Amino acid sequence: MHSVKVRDYMTSNVLSFKPEDGVIEALRSLLKAGRSGAPVLDDDHKLVGVLSEIDCLKEALMGGYYQQAGDRVADHMSAEVDCVQADDDILVVADLFMKGRRRLPVMEEGRMVGIITRQDFARALIERIDHPHHGDN
C-alpha cells in the first residue's frame, strides 16, 4: 500500500510571525487571513512557538481596557508545540487532531517547511476513500 506523506498535503506558504511582532498587529493579520493561529519563527525560520487567536484576544482585551496594548508575540505565544515531520505518514497527525489540535507545524531538518491542518487531513482521508488504490504499486 502506498504511504501518503504529510508533505503531500501540507501548505508551504504559511502566515507566520516573529517573536518581536506586536500582538495586536498579529491579531489583525490572523483576522485578515481567516486563520485561528500561526507559527512564530526566528530569523533562521526555526519554530519558536505558536500564537493563537485566543492568545491575541487576551492581550487585546487587557490592552483595550487599560488603553495600552503593546505586548509582543513572544510574551503570549505557546512555546511548547507539537510538530510532525514532512516525511511522516499522514496517519501520524490523526491522533493529534483527535486531541483537538487545529494545525501542526511540519518540520524538516530542524526548520519549519509548512503546516498541516485538520482540513488538509480530511482532504487526504477523503481522497484515499474515493481512490483507495491511487498510488499503489
N, C-alpha and C. Protein backbone atom coordinates (compact mmCIF):
# COMPACT_ATOMS: atom_id res chain seq x y z
N MET A 1 0.84 -1.18 0.00
CA MET A 1 0.00 0.00 0.00
C MET A 1 0.89 1.24 0.00
N HIS A 2 0.52 2.24 -0.76
CA HIS A 2 1.25 3.49 -0.88
C HIS A 2 1.09 4.31 0.39
N SER A 3 2.20 4.75 0.95
CA SER A 3 2.16 5.59 2.14
C SER A 3 2.01 7.05 1.73
N VAL A 4 1.00 7.70 2.27
CA VAL A 4 0.77 9.11 1.99
C VAL A 4 1.53 9.92 3.03
N LYS A 5 2.35 10.83 2.57
CA LYS A 5 3.22 11.61 3.45
C LYS A 5 2.57 12.95 3.81
N VAL A 6 2.94 13.46 4.96
CA VAL A 6 2.46 14.77 5.41
C VAL A 6 2.77 15.82 4.35
N ARG A 7 3.96 15.77 3.75
CA ARG A 7 4.36 16.78 2.76
C ARG A 7 3.40 16.83 1.56
N ASP A 8 2.70 15.71 1.29
CA ASP A 8 1.78 15.67 0.15
C ASP A 8 0.54 16.55 0.37
N TYR A 9 0.24 16.88 1.61
CA TYR A 9 -0.98 17.65 1.91
C TYR A 9 -0.73 18.92 2.71
N MET A 10 0.50 19.19 3.09
CA MET A 10 0.79 20.38 3.87
C MET A 10 0.71 21.63 3.00
N THR A 11 0.57 22.75 3.64
CA THR A 11 0.63 24.05 2.99
C THR A 11 2.00 24.64 3.29
N SER A 12 2.71 25.04 2.25
CA SER A 12 4.06 25.56 2.48
C SER A 12 4.10 27.09 2.55
N ASN A 13 3.11 27.76 2.00
CA ASN A 13 3.05 29.22 2.08
C ASN A 13 2.21 29.58 3.31
N VAL A 14 2.87 29.82 4.44
CA VAL A 14 2.20 29.92 5.72
C VAL A 14 2.35 31.32 6.33
N LEU A 15 1.25 31.84 6.84
CA LEU A 15 1.30 33.06 7.64
C LEU A 15 2.11 32.74 8.89
N SER A 16 3.08 33.58 9.20
CA SER A 16 3.88 33.37 10.42
C SER A 16 4.22 34.72 11.03
N PHE A 17 4.67 34.66 12.27
CA PHE A 17 5.06 35.86 12.99
C PHE A 17 6.47 35.71 13.51
N LYS A 18 7.05 36.85 13.89
CA LYS A 18 8.34 36.88 14.57
C LYS A 18 8.07 37.19 16.04
N PRO A 19 8.95 36.75 16.93
CA PRO A 19 8.73 36.99 18.36
C PRO A 19 8.55 38.47 18.71
N GLU A 20 9.20 39.35 17.97
CA GLU A 20 9.13 40.78 18.30
C GLU A 20 7.92 41.49 17.71
N ASP A 21 7.11 40.81 16.89
CA ASP A 21 5.90 41.42 16.33
C ASP A 21 4.92 41.78 17.44
N GLY A 22 4.13 42.81 17.21
CA GLY A 22 3.11 43.21 18.17
C GLY A 22 1.92 42.25 18.13
N VAL A 23 1.35 41.99 19.30
CA VAL A 23 0.23 41.05 19.41
C VAL A 23 -1.00 41.58 18.68
N ILE A 24 -1.29 42.86 18.80
CA ILE A 24 -2.50 43.41 18.16
C ILE A 24 -2.36 43.35 16.65
N GLU A 25 -1.18 43.66 16.13
CA GLU A 25 -0.96 43.54 14.69
C GLU A 25 -1.07 42.09 14.24
N ALA A 26 -0.59 41.17 15.07
CA ALA A 26 -0.71 39.75 14.75
C ALA A 26 -2.18 39.35 14.68
N LEU A 27 -2.99 39.84 15.61
CA LEU A 27 -4.43 39.55 15.59
C LEU A 27 -5.06 40.08 14.31
N ARG A 28 -4.68 41.28 13.92
CA ARG A 28 -5.20 41.84 12.65
C ARG A 28 -4.84 40.94 11.47
N SER A 29 -3.61 40.46 11.45
CA SER A 29 -3.16 39.57 10.37
C SER A 29 -3.93 38.26 10.37
N LEU A 30 -4.16 37.68 11.55
CA LEU A 30 -4.94 36.44 11.64
C LEU A 30 -6.35 36.65 11.11
N LEU A 31 -6.98 37.75 11.51
CA LEU A 31 -8.34 38.03 11.05
C LEU A 31 -8.39 38.23 9.54
N LYS A 32 -7.44 38.98 9.02
CA LYS A 32 -7.40 39.24 7.57
C LYS A 32 -7.22 37.95 6.79
N ALA A 33 -6.39 37.04 7.32
CA ALA A 33 -6.11 35.77 6.63
C ALA A 33 -7.16 34.70 6.93
N GLY A 34 -8.06 34.96 7.87
CA GLY A 34 -9.06 33.96 8.23
C GLY A 34 -8.46 32.76 8.94
N ARG A 35 -7.44 33.00 9.76
CA ARG A 35 -6.74 31.93 10.47
C ARG A 35 -7.00 32.03 11.97
N SER A 36 -6.90 30.91 12.66
CA SER A 36 -7.09 30.90 14.11
C SER A 36 -5.76 30.87 14.86
N GLY A 37 -4.67 30.80 14.15
CA GLY A 37 -3.36 30.79 14.77
C GLY A 37 -2.28 30.67 13.71
N ALA A 38 -1.05 30.90 14.14
CA ALA A 38 0.08 30.83 13.21
C ALA A 38 1.37 30.57 13.97
N PRO A 39 2.34 29.96 13.29
CA PRO A 39 3.63 29.70 13.92
C PRO A 39 4.43 30.99 14.13
N VAL A 40 5.32 30.93 15.10
CA VAL A 40 6.25 32.02 15.37
C VAL A 40 7.65 31.50 15.04
N LEU A 41 8.33 32.20 14.12
CA LEU A 41 9.64 31.76 13.63
C LEU A 41 10.70 32.80 13.94
N ASP A 42 11.91 32.30 14.22
CA ASP A 42 13.03 33.23 14.40
C ASP A 42 13.60 33.60 13.03
N ASP A 43 14.68 34.35 13.03
CA ASP A 43 15.25 34.82 11.77
C ASP A 43 15.80 33.71 10.89
N ASP A 44 16.07 32.53 11.48
CA ASP A 44 16.56 31.37 10.72
C ASP A 44 15.42 30.43 10.32
N HIS A 45 14.18 30.90 10.44
CA HIS A 45 12.99 30.10 10.13
C HIS A 45 12.84 28.88 11.03
N LYS A 46 13.40 28.97 12.22
CA LYS A 46 13.22 27.89 13.20
C LYS A 46 12.00 28.22 14.05
N LEU A 47 11.22 27.20 14.31
CA LEU A 47 9.99 27.36 15.08
C LEU A 47 10.31 27.63 16.54
N VAL A 48 9.76 28.73 17.07
CA VAL A 48 9.97 29.05 18.49
C VAL A 48 8.66 29.06 19.27
N GLY A 49 7.53 28.94 18.56
CA GLY A 49 6.25 28.91 19.25
C GLY A 49 5.09 29.00 18.28
N VAL A 50 3.89 29.06 18.86
CA VAL A 50 2.67 29.23 18.08
C VAL A 50 1.83 30.28 18.79
N LEU A 51 1.24 31.17 18.02
CA LEU A 51 0.36 32.20 18.56
C LEU A 51 -1.05 31.91 18.07
N SER A 52 -2.00 31.82 19.01
CA SER A 52 -3.39 31.56 18.64
C SER A 52 -4.21 32.84 18.79
N GLU A 53 -5.39 32.83 18.18
CA GLU A 53 -6.26 33.99 18.29
C GLU A 53 -6.64 34.26 19.74
N ILE A 54 -6.77 33.21 20.53
CA ILE A 54 -7.13 33.40 21.94
C ILE A 54 -6.00 34.08 22.69
N ASP A 55 -4.74 33.76 22.34
CA ASP A 55 -3.60 34.46 22.94
C ASP A 55 -3.69 35.96 22.64
N CYS A 56 -4.03 36.28 21.41
CA CYS A 56 -4.14 37.69 20.99
C CYS A 56 -5.34 38.37 21.64
N LEU A 57 -6.45 37.67 21.73
CA LEU A 57 -7.66 38.26 22.30
C LEU A 57 -7.45 38.65 23.76
N LYS A 58 -6.74 37.81 24.50
CA LYS A 58 -6.46 38.14 25.90
C LYS A 58 -5.72 39.47 25.99
N GLU A 59 -4.72 39.65 25.15
CA GLU A 59 -3.96 40.90 25.14
C GLU A 59 -4.82 42.06 24.66
N ALA A 60 -5.63 41.84 23.64
CA ALA A 60 -6.48 42.92 23.12
C ALA A 60 -7.47 43.38 24.18
N LEU A 61 -8.05 42.44 24.91
CA LEU A 61 -9.00 42.80 25.97
C LEU A 61 -8.32 43.60 27.08
N MET A 62 -7.18 43.10 27.53
CA MET A 62 -6.47 43.80 28.60
C MET A 62 -5.92 45.14 28.11
N GLY A 63 -5.34 45.14 26.94
CA GLY A 63 -4.79 46.37 26.40
C GLY A 63 -5.86 47.41 26.12
N GLY A 64 -7.00 46.94 25.59
CA GLY A 64 -8.11 47.85 25.32
C GLY A 64 -8.68 48.42 26.60
N TYR A 65 -8.75 47.59 27.62
CA TYR A 65 -9.29 48.02 28.91
C TYR A 65 -8.39 49.06 29.56
N TYR A 66 -7.09 48.79 29.50
CA TYR A 66 -6.14 49.70 30.13
C TYR A 66 -5.54 50.71 29.15
N GLN A 67 -6.03 50.71 27.91
CA GLN A 67 -5.58 51.65 26.88
C GLN A 67 -4.08 51.56 26.62
N GLN A 68 -3.53 50.33 26.65
CA GLN A 68 -2.09 50.19 26.41
C GLN A 68 -1.76 48.82 25.84
N ALA A 69 -2.25 48.51 24.68
CA ALA A 69 -1.95 47.23 24.05
C ALA A 69 -0.61 47.33 23.33
N GLY A 70 0.45 46.81 23.94
CA GLY A 70 1.76 46.94 23.32
C GLY A 70 2.65 45.73 23.44
N ASP A 71 2.13 44.65 23.96
CA ASP A 71 2.95 43.45 24.14
C ASP A 71 3.36 42.83 22.82
N ARG A 72 4.39 42.05 22.88
CA ARG A 72 4.95 41.36 21.71
C ARG A 72 4.46 39.93 21.66
N VAL A 73 4.53 39.34 20.49
CA VAL A 73 4.13 37.96 20.26
C VAL A 73 4.84 37.02 21.24
N ALA A 74 6.14 37.24 21.46
CA ALA A 74 6.92 36.37 22.34
C ALA A 74 6.35 36.30 23.75
N ASP A 75 5.65 37.35 24.18
CA ASP A 75 5.09 37.39 25.52
C ASP A 75 3.83 36.54 25.67
N HIS A 76 3.22 36.15 24.56
CA HIS A 76 1.91 35.48 24.61
C HIS A 76 1.84 34.15 23.86
N MET A 77 2.85 33.83 23.09
CA MET A 77 2.84 32.59 22.31
C MET A 77 3.01 31.37 23.21
N SER A 78 2.60 30.23 22.70
CA SER A 78 2.88 28.95 23.35
C SER A 78 4.21 28.45 22.82
N ALA A 79 5.15 28.21 23.72
CA ALA A 79 6.48 27.78 23.29
C ALA A 79 6.57 26.27 23.09
N GLU A 80 5.70 25.52 23.75
CA GLU A 80 5.70 24.07 23.58
C GLU A 80 4.71 23.72 22.47
N VAL A 81 5.24 23.17 21.38
CA VAL A 81 4.44 22.95 20.18
C VAL A 81 4.61 21.52 19.70
N ASP A 82 3.48 20.85 19.45
CA ASP A 82 3.53 19.54 18.79
C ASP A 82 3.83 19.76 17.32
N CYS A 83 4.77 18.99 16.78
CA CYS A 83 5.16 19.09 15.38
C CYS A 83 5.15 17.71 14.74
N VAL A 84 5.13 17.70 13.42
CA VAL A 84 5.29 16.46 12.67
C VAL A 84 6.39 16.69 11.64
N GLN A 85 6.93 15.59 11.13
CA GLN A 85 7.97 15.66 10.11
C GLN A 85 7.34 15.57 8.73
N ALA A 86 7.95 16.21 7.76
CA ALA A 86 7.42 16.23 6.39
C ALA A 86 7.26 14.84 5.82
N ASP A 87 8.15 13.92 6.19
CA ASP A 87 8.09 12.57 5.65
C ASP A 87 7.31 11.59 6.52
N ASP A 88 6.66 12.08 7.58
CA ASP A 88 5.80 11.21 8.39
C ASP A 88 4.61 10.76 7.56
N ASP A 89 4.11 9.56 7.88
CA ASP A 89 2.86 9.09 7.29
C ASP A 89 1.74 10.01 7.75
N ILE A 90 0.81 10.31 6.87
CA ILE A 90 -0.30 11.22 7.17
C ILE A 90 -1.09 10.77 8.40
N LEU A 91 -1.10 9.47 8.67
CA LEU A 91 -1.86 8.96 9.82
C LEU A 91 -1.26 9.38 11.16
N VAL A 92 0.00 9.82 11.16
CA VAL A 92 0.64 10.30 12.39
C VAL A 92 -0.12 11.50 12.95
N VAL A 93 -0.68 12.31 12.07
CA VAL A 93 -1.37 13.52 12.52
C VAL A 93 -2.76 13.22 13.09
N ALA A 94 -3.32 12.07 12.77
CA ALA A 94 -4.70 11.75 13.18
C ALA A 94 -4.88 11.86 14.69
N ASP A 95 -3.99 11.27 15.46
CA ASP A 95 -4.11 11.28 16.91
C ASP A 95 -4.05 12.69 17.46
N LEU A 96 -3.15 13.50 16.94
CA LEU A 96 -3.02 14.87 17.42
C LEU A 96 -4.26 15.70 17.07
N PHE A 97 -4.82 15.48 15.90
CA PHE A 97 -6.04 16.20 15.53
C PHE A 97 -7.22 15.74 16.38
N MET A 98 -7.27 14.46 16.70
CA MET A 98 -8.35 13.96 17.55
C MET A 98 -8.26 14.52 18.97
N LYS A 99 -7.07 14.95 19.36
CA LYS A 99 -6.88 15.56 20.68
C LYS A 99 -7.17 17.06 20.67
N GLY A 100 -7.67 17.56 19.55
CA GLY A 100 -8.09 18.96 19.49
C GLY A 100 -7.17 19.92 18.78
N ARG A 101 -6.02 19.47 18.31
CA ARG A 101 -5.14 20.37 17.57
C ARG A 101 -5.83 20.78 16.27
N ARG A 102 -5.65 22.03 15.88
CA ARG A 102 -6.23 22.53 14.63
C ARG A 102 -5.23 22.51 13.49
N ARG A 103 -3.97 22.70 13.88
CA ARG A 103 -2.90 22.79 12.88
C ARG A 103 -1.62 22.27 13.52
N LEU A 104 -0.74 21.74 12.68
CA LEU A 104 0.55 21.24 13.17
C LEU A 104 1.67 21.74 12.27
N PRO A 105 2.69 22.35 12.85
CA PRO A 105 3.84 22.73 12.05
C PRO A 105 4.51 21.48 11.48
N VAL A 106 4.99 21.59 10.25
CA VAL A 106 5.68 20.49 9.57
C VAL A 106 7.16 20.86 9.50
N MET A 107 7.99 19.97 10.03
CA MET A 107 9.41 20.24 10.14
C MET A 107 10.23 19.35 9.20
N GLU A 108 11.38 19.89 8.79
CA GLU A 108 12.35 19.13 8.01
C GLU A 108 13.73 19.70 8.32
N GLU A 109 14.61 18.85 8.81
CA GLU A 109 15.97 19.25 9.16
C GLU A 109 15.99 20.44 10.12
N GLY A 110 15.08 20.42 11.10
CA GLY A 110 15.06 21.45 12.12
C GLY A 110 14.38 22.75 11.76
N ARG A 111 13.90 22.86 10.55
CA ARG A 111 13.22 24.09 10.11
C ARG A 111 11.78 23.78 9.74
N MET A 112 10.93 24.78 9.96
CA MET A 112 9.54 24.61 9.58
C MET A 112 9.41 24.80 8.07
N VAL A 113 8.80 23.82 7.41
CA VAL A 113 8.64 23.88 5.96
C VAL A 113 7.18 24.01 5.55
N GLY A 114 6.28 23.95 6.51
CA GLY A 114 4.87 24.06 6.19
C GLY A 114 4.00 23.83 7.40
N ILE A 115 2.72 23.70 7.13
CA ILE A 115 1.75 23.45 8.18
C ILE A 115 0.70 22.51 7.62
N ILE A 116 0.18 21.64 8.46
CA ILE A 116 -0.91 20.77 8.04
C ILE A 116 -2.08 21.01 8.99
N THR A 117 -3.26 21.18 8.42
CA THR A 117 -4.45 21.49 9.20
C THR A 117 -5.39 20.29 9.22
N ARG A 118 -6.40 20.38 10.08
CA ARG A 118 -7.41 19.31 10.10
C ARG A 118 -8.09 19.21 8.74
N GLN A 119 -8.30 20.33 8.07
CA GLN A 119 -8.91 20.30 6.74
C GLN A 119 -8.02 19.58 5.74
N ASP A 120 -6.71 19.80 5.82
CA ASP A 120 -5.78 19.09 4.94
C ASP A 120 -5.86 17.59 5.18
N PHE A 121 -5.92 17.21 6.46
CA PHE A 121 -6.02 15.79 6.81
C PHE A 121 -7.33 15.20 6.29
N ALA A 122 -8.43 15.93 6.45
CA ALA A 122 -9.73 15.46 5.96
C ALA A 122 -9.70 15.27 4.45
N ARG A 123 -9.05 16.20 3.75
CA ARG A 123 -8.92 16.08 2.29
C ARG A 123 -8.14 14.82 1.92
N ALA A 124 -7.05 14.55 2.63
CA ALA A 124 -6.26 13.34 2.37
C ALA A 124 -7.09 12.09 2.61
N LEU A 125 -7.86 12.09 3.68
CA LEU A 125 -8.69 10.94 4.02
C LEU A 125 -9.76 10.70 2.96
N ILE A 126 -10.44 11.76 2.55
CA ILE A 126 -11.49 11.63 1.52
C ILE A 126 -10.90 11.16 0.20
N GLU A 127 -9.75 11.71 -0.18
CA GLU A 127 -9.11 11.27 -1.43
C GLU A 127 -8.75 9.79 -1.35
N ARG A 128 -8.31 9.34 -0.20
CA ARG A 128 -7.96 7.91 -0.04
C ARG A 128 -9.22 7.04 -0.11
N ILE A 129 -10.32 7.52 0.47
CA ILE A 129 -11.58 6.77 0.41
C ILE A 129 -12.11 6.73 -1.02
N ASP A 130 -12.05 7.87 -1.71
CA ASP A 130 -12.55 7.95 -3.09
C ASP A 130 -11.67 7.20 -4.08
N HIS A 131 -10.39 7.12 -3.81
CA HIS A 131 -9.43 6.47 -4.72
C HIS A 131 -8.53 5.54 -3.90
N PRO A 132 -9.06 4.41 -3.41
CA PRO A 132 -8.32 3.55 -2.48
C PRO A 132 -7.04 2.95 -3.04
N HIS A 133 -6.89 2.83 -4.34
CA HIS A 133 -5.69 2.20 -4.90
C HIS A 133 -4.80 3.20 -5.61
N HIS A 134 -5.14 4.48 -5.51
CA HIS A 134 -4.34 5.52 -6.16
C HIS A 134 -2.94 5.54 -5.55
N GLY A 135 -1.94 5.39 -6.38
CA GLY A 135 -0.55 5.43 -5.94
C GLY A 135 0.00 4.10 -5.47
N ASP A 136 -0.83 3.05 -5.41
CA ASP A 136 -0.32 1.74 -5.01
C ASP A 136 0.56 1.17 -6.10
N ASN A 137 1.55 0.42 -5.69
CA ASN A 137 2.45 -0.22 -6.66
C ASN A 137 2.00 -1.62 -6.98
